[in-house]
């Protein structure tokens, strides 16, 4: 067997070397933390001082690690907050009251603003809310907070633009209960469906 057949290095060995170097560096740092007592014969460091030093090092380590983990968790929560909106299936009473007071036109303006901000999920939801408000305002299907999308589909089956209502209702159902991502194309379909509903009601 030639010398070329042997591995000169590999990832496992490099990681082991790195671990050993880091361990030695930490050991050196810890040895410098301990109080320097001159080497006088018959005098040694008290045992309690060694124990206190050991305890302080561990407390400091866990405190720093805990702080880093909390900061990381906080950052992750802020990053993931928009994608967790679907978990808020039952808004609190104040939100429900405030949203039910908005007009269909206000919802439509909100949808356009959200679309310009590339928030297609909330923009599609705003179109859905505009449709529900329009159904309520025209007296076709008055608001009831307990109604599901399936019930709205049944109640709008006989309306002239039944397919447009279904597009908005089914998109909302997939969006909020299936956690589907809304693309610009899907939003355009919802927007066209809302236009069809508006033209049928005008």
Protein backbone atom coordinates (compact mmCIF):
# COMPACT_ATOMS: atom_id res chain seq x y z
CA UNK A 1 0.00 0.00 0.00
CA UNK A 2 1.43 3.36 -1.02
CA UNK A 3 1.56 6.41 1.19
CA UNK A 4 -0.91 8.15 -1.14
CA UNK A 5 -3.59 5.63 -0.07
CA UNK A 6 -3.73 7.05 3.48
CA UNK A 7 -5.94 10.02 4.27
CA UNK A 8 -3.96 13.09 5.15
CA UNK A 9 -6.94 14.76 6.83
CA UNK A 10 -10.70 14.42 7.12
CA UNK A 11 -13.59 16.40 8.53
CA UNK A 12 -13.94 14.31 11.70
CA UNK A 13 -10.29 14.74 12.60
CA UNK A 14 -10.46 18.50 11.92
CA UNK A 15 -13.53 18.83 14.17
CA UNK A 16 -11.78 16.86 16.91
CA UNK A 17 -8.76 19.17 16.65
CA UNK A 18 -10.98 22.24 16.79
CA UNK A 19 -12.81 20.88 19.82
CA UNK A 20 -9.51 20.17 21.56
CA UNK A 21 -8.16 23.67 20.83
CA UNK A 22 -11.36 25.34 22.06
CA UNK A 23 -11.31 23.19 25.19
CA UNK A 24 -7.70 24.09 25.89
CA UNK A 25 -8.41 27.78 25.34
CA UNK A 26 -11.36 27.67 27.76
CA UNK A 27 -9.22 25.82 30.30
CA UNK A 28 -6.54 28.50 29.98
CA UNK A 29 -9.10 31.29 30.45
CA UNK A 30 -10.59 29.58 33.50
CA UNK A 31 -7.18 29.05 35.04
CA UNK A 32 -6.52 32.78 34.75
CA UNK A 33 -9.78 33.58 36.55
CA UNK A 34 -8.73 31.71 39.67
CA UNK A 35 -7.04 33.93 42.22
CA UNK A 36 -3.27 33.91 42.01
CA UNK A 37 -1.87 32.88 45.35
CA UNK A 38 1.90 32.88 45.61
CA UNK A 39 3.38 29.45 45.94
CA UNK A 40 4.26 29.54 49.63
CA UNK A 41 5.08 26.23 51.28
CA UNK A 42 2.36 24.82 53.58
CA UNK A 43 -0.26 27.35 52.25
CA UNK A 44 -2.85 26.21 49.74
CA UNK A 45 -6.00 27.72 48.24
CA UNK A 46 -8.98 27.06 50.51
CA UNK A 47 -11.38 24.42 49.20
CA UNK A 48 -14.38 26.76 49.51
CA UNK A 49 -12.70 29.28 47.19
CA UNK A 50 -12.31 26.61 44.51
CA UNK A 51 -15.97 25.67 44.94
CA UNK A 52 -17.17 29.32 44.75
CA UNK A 53 -15.09 29.90 41.61
CA UNK A 54 -16.53 26.76 40.00
CA UNK A 55 -20.09 27.88 40.88
CA UNK A 56 -19.63 31.45 39.60
CA UNK A 57 -18.27 30.21 36.28
CA UNK A 58 -21.25 27.92 35.76
CA UNK A 59 -23.79 30.58 36.76
CA UNK A 60 -22.18 33.08 34.38
CA UNK A 61 -22.14 30.52 31.57
CA UNK A 62 -25.82 29.61 31.95
CA UNK A 63 -26.86 33.26 32.34
CA UNK A 64 -25.09 34.23 29.11
CA UNK A 65 -26.46 31.19 27.27
CA UNK A 66 -29.99 31.95 28.53
CA UNK A 67 -29.72 35.57 27.42
CA UNK A 68 -28.53 34.55 23.94
CA UNK A 69 -31.36 32.01 23.59
CA UNK A 70 -33.97 34.56 24.68
CA UNK A 71 -32.69 37.11 22.16
CA UNK A 72 -32.74 34.46 19.44
CA UNK A 73 -36.29 33.38 20.34
CA UNK A 74 -37.44 37.00 20.36
CA UNK A 75 -35.92 37.60 16.93
CA UNK A 76 -37.51 34.41 15.54
CA UNK A 77 -40.93 35.41 16.90
CA UNK A 78 -40.70 38.78 15.15
CA UNK A 79 -39.63 37.12 11.90
CA UNK A 80 -42.39 34.52 11.97
CA UNK A 81 -45.23 36.72 13.23
CA UNK A 82 -46.77 37.39 9.78
CA UNK A 83 -46.97 33.67 9.03
CA UNK A 84 -48.68 33.00 12.38
CA UNK A 85 -51.67 35.21 11.60
CA UNK A 86 -53.61 32.16 10.45
CA UNK A 87 -53.59 30.89 14.05
CA UNK A 88 -55.74 33.85 15.05
CA UNK A 89 -58.93 32.18 13.85
CA UNK A 90 -61.13 33.69 16.56
CA UNK A 91 -60.41 37.38 16.90
CA UNK A 92 -61.31 39.03 20.18
CA UNK A 93 -64.61 40.83 20.55
CA UNK A 94 -63.10 44.32 20.12
CA UNK A 95 -61.54 43.35 16.77
CA UNK A 96 -64.81 41.77 15.60
CA UNK A 97 -66.81 44.86 16.54
CA UNK A 98 -64.31 47.20 14.87
CA UNK A 99 -64.18 45.11 11.68
CA UNK A 100 -67.95 44.75 11.45
CA UNK A 101 -68.25 48.56 11.46
CA UNK A 102 -66.11 48.92 8.31
CA UNK A 103 -67.87 49.48 5.01
CA UNK A 104 -67.31 47.39 1.90
CA UNK A 105 -65.56 50.39 0.32
CA UNK A 106 -63.19 50.66 3.30
CA UNK A 107 -62.35 46.97 2.99
CA UNK A 108 -61.72 47.44 -0.72
CA UNK A 109 -59.35 50.36 -0.08
CA UNK A 110 -57.57 48.32 2.58
CA UNK A 111 -57.19 45.45 0.11
CA UNK A 112 -55.57 47.72 -2.48
CA UNK A 113 -53.18 49.15 0.10
CA UNK A 114 -52.16 45.67 1.29
CA UNK A 115 -51.70 44.54 -2.31
CA UNK A 116 -49.30 47.43 -2.93
CA UNK A 117 -47.37 46.28 0.16
CA UNK A 118 -47.21 42.73 -1.34
CA UNK A 119 -49.26 41.33 1.57
CA UNK A 120 -51.44 39.18 -0.69
CA UNK A 121 -52.79 37.09 2.18
CA UNK A 122 -54.30 40.05 4.04
CA UNK A 123 -55.30 41.73 0.76
CA UNK A 124 -57.34 38.64 -0.22
CA UNK A 125 -58.89 38.55 3.25
CA UNK A 126 -59.89 42.21 2.90
CA UNK A 127 -61.68 41.39 -0.39
CA UNK A 128 -63.47 38.53 1.39
CA UNK A 129 -64.54 40.90 4.18
CA UNK A 130 -65.73 43.47 1.58
CA UNK A 131 -67.86 40.76 -0.03
CA UNK A 132 -69.39 39.78 3.34
CA UNK A 133 -70.09 43.43 4.13
CA UNK A 134 -71.71 43.90 0.74
CA UNK A 135 -73.91 40.82 1.32
CA UNK A 136 -74.93 42.31 4.66
CA UNK A 137 -75.53 45.84 3.30
CA UNK A 138 -77.76 44.58 0.47
CA UNK A 139 -79.72 42.39 2.92
CA UNK A 140 -79.00 39.23 0.91
CA UNK A 141 -77.10 37.51 3.73
CA UNK A 142 -77.08 39.49 7.01
CA UNK A 143 -74.02 39.17 9.28
CA UNK A 144 -73.89 36.27 11.69
CA UNK A 145 -70.57 35.64 13.41
CA UNK A 146 -71.30 31.91 13.64
CA UNK A 147 -71.61 31.42 9.87
CA UNK A 148 -68.95 29.34 8.15
CA UNK A 149 -67.63 29.69 4.60
CA UNK A 150 -69.55 26.53 3.70
CA UNK A 151 -72.81 28.12 4.87
CA UNK A 152 -72.06 31.25 2.85
CA UNK A 153 -71.44 29.07 -0.22
CA UNK A 154 -74.87 27.47 0.23
CA UNK A 155 -76.57 30.84 0.78
CA UNK A 156 -75.01 32.36 -2.37
CA UNK A 157 -75.70 29.44 -4.72
CA UNK A 158 -78.76 31.10 -6.26
CA UNK A 159 -77.12 34.50 -6.78
CA UNK A 160 -76.20 35.69 -10.31
CA UNK A 161 -72.42 35.63 -9.69
CA UNK A 162 -72.37 32.38 -7.72
CA UNK A 163 -68.95 31.35 -9.14
CA UNK A 164 -67.40 34.66 -8.05
CA UNK A 165 -68.72 34.22 -4.50
CA UNK A 166 -67.36 30.68 -4.44
CA UNK A 167 -63.92 31.88 -5.59
CA UNK A 168 -63.66 34.32 -2.67
CA UNK A 169 -65.17 31.95 -0.12
CA UNK A 170 -63.08 28.94 -1.11
CA UNK A 171 -59.89 31.02 -1.26
CA UNK A 172 -60.60 32.32 2.23
CA UNK A 173 -61.23 28.78 3.47
CA UNK A 174 -57.93 27.51 2.01
CA UNK A 175 -56.12 30.59 3.25
CA UNK A 176 -57.25 30.49 6.89
CA UNK A 177 -57.92 26.82 7.50
CA UNK A 178 -55.52 25.19 5.06
CA UNK A 179 -52.71 27.70 5.64
CA UNK A 180 -52.21 28.09 1.89
CA UNK A 181 -49.86 30.77 0.62
CA UNK A 182 -51.54 33.37 -1.58
CA UNK A 183 -49.73 34.23 -4.79
CA UNK A 184 -50.27 37.44 -6.79
CA UNK A 185 -52.13 35.34 -9.37
CA UNK A 186 -54.53 33.98 -6.73
CA UNK A 187 -55.12 37.51 -5.47
CA UNK A 188 -55.87 38.67 -9.05
CA UNK A 189 -58.50 35.90 -9.31
CA UNK A 190 -60.07 37.11 -6.06
CA UNK A 191 -60.00 40.70 -7.27
CA UNK A 192 -61.70 39.73 -10.54
CA UNK A 193 -64.31 37.77 -8.61
CA UNK A 194 -65.04 40.82 -6.46
CA UNK A 195 -65.35 43.01 -9.59
CA UNK A 196 -67.85 40.48 -11.02
CA UNK A 197 -69.89 40.66 -7.80
CA UNK A 198 -69.84 44.48 -7.87
CA UNK A 199 -70.96 44.62 -11.51
CA UNK A 200 -73.83 42.20 -10.80
CA UNK A 201 -75.01 44.30 -7.84
CA UNK A 202 -74.80 47.66 -9.63
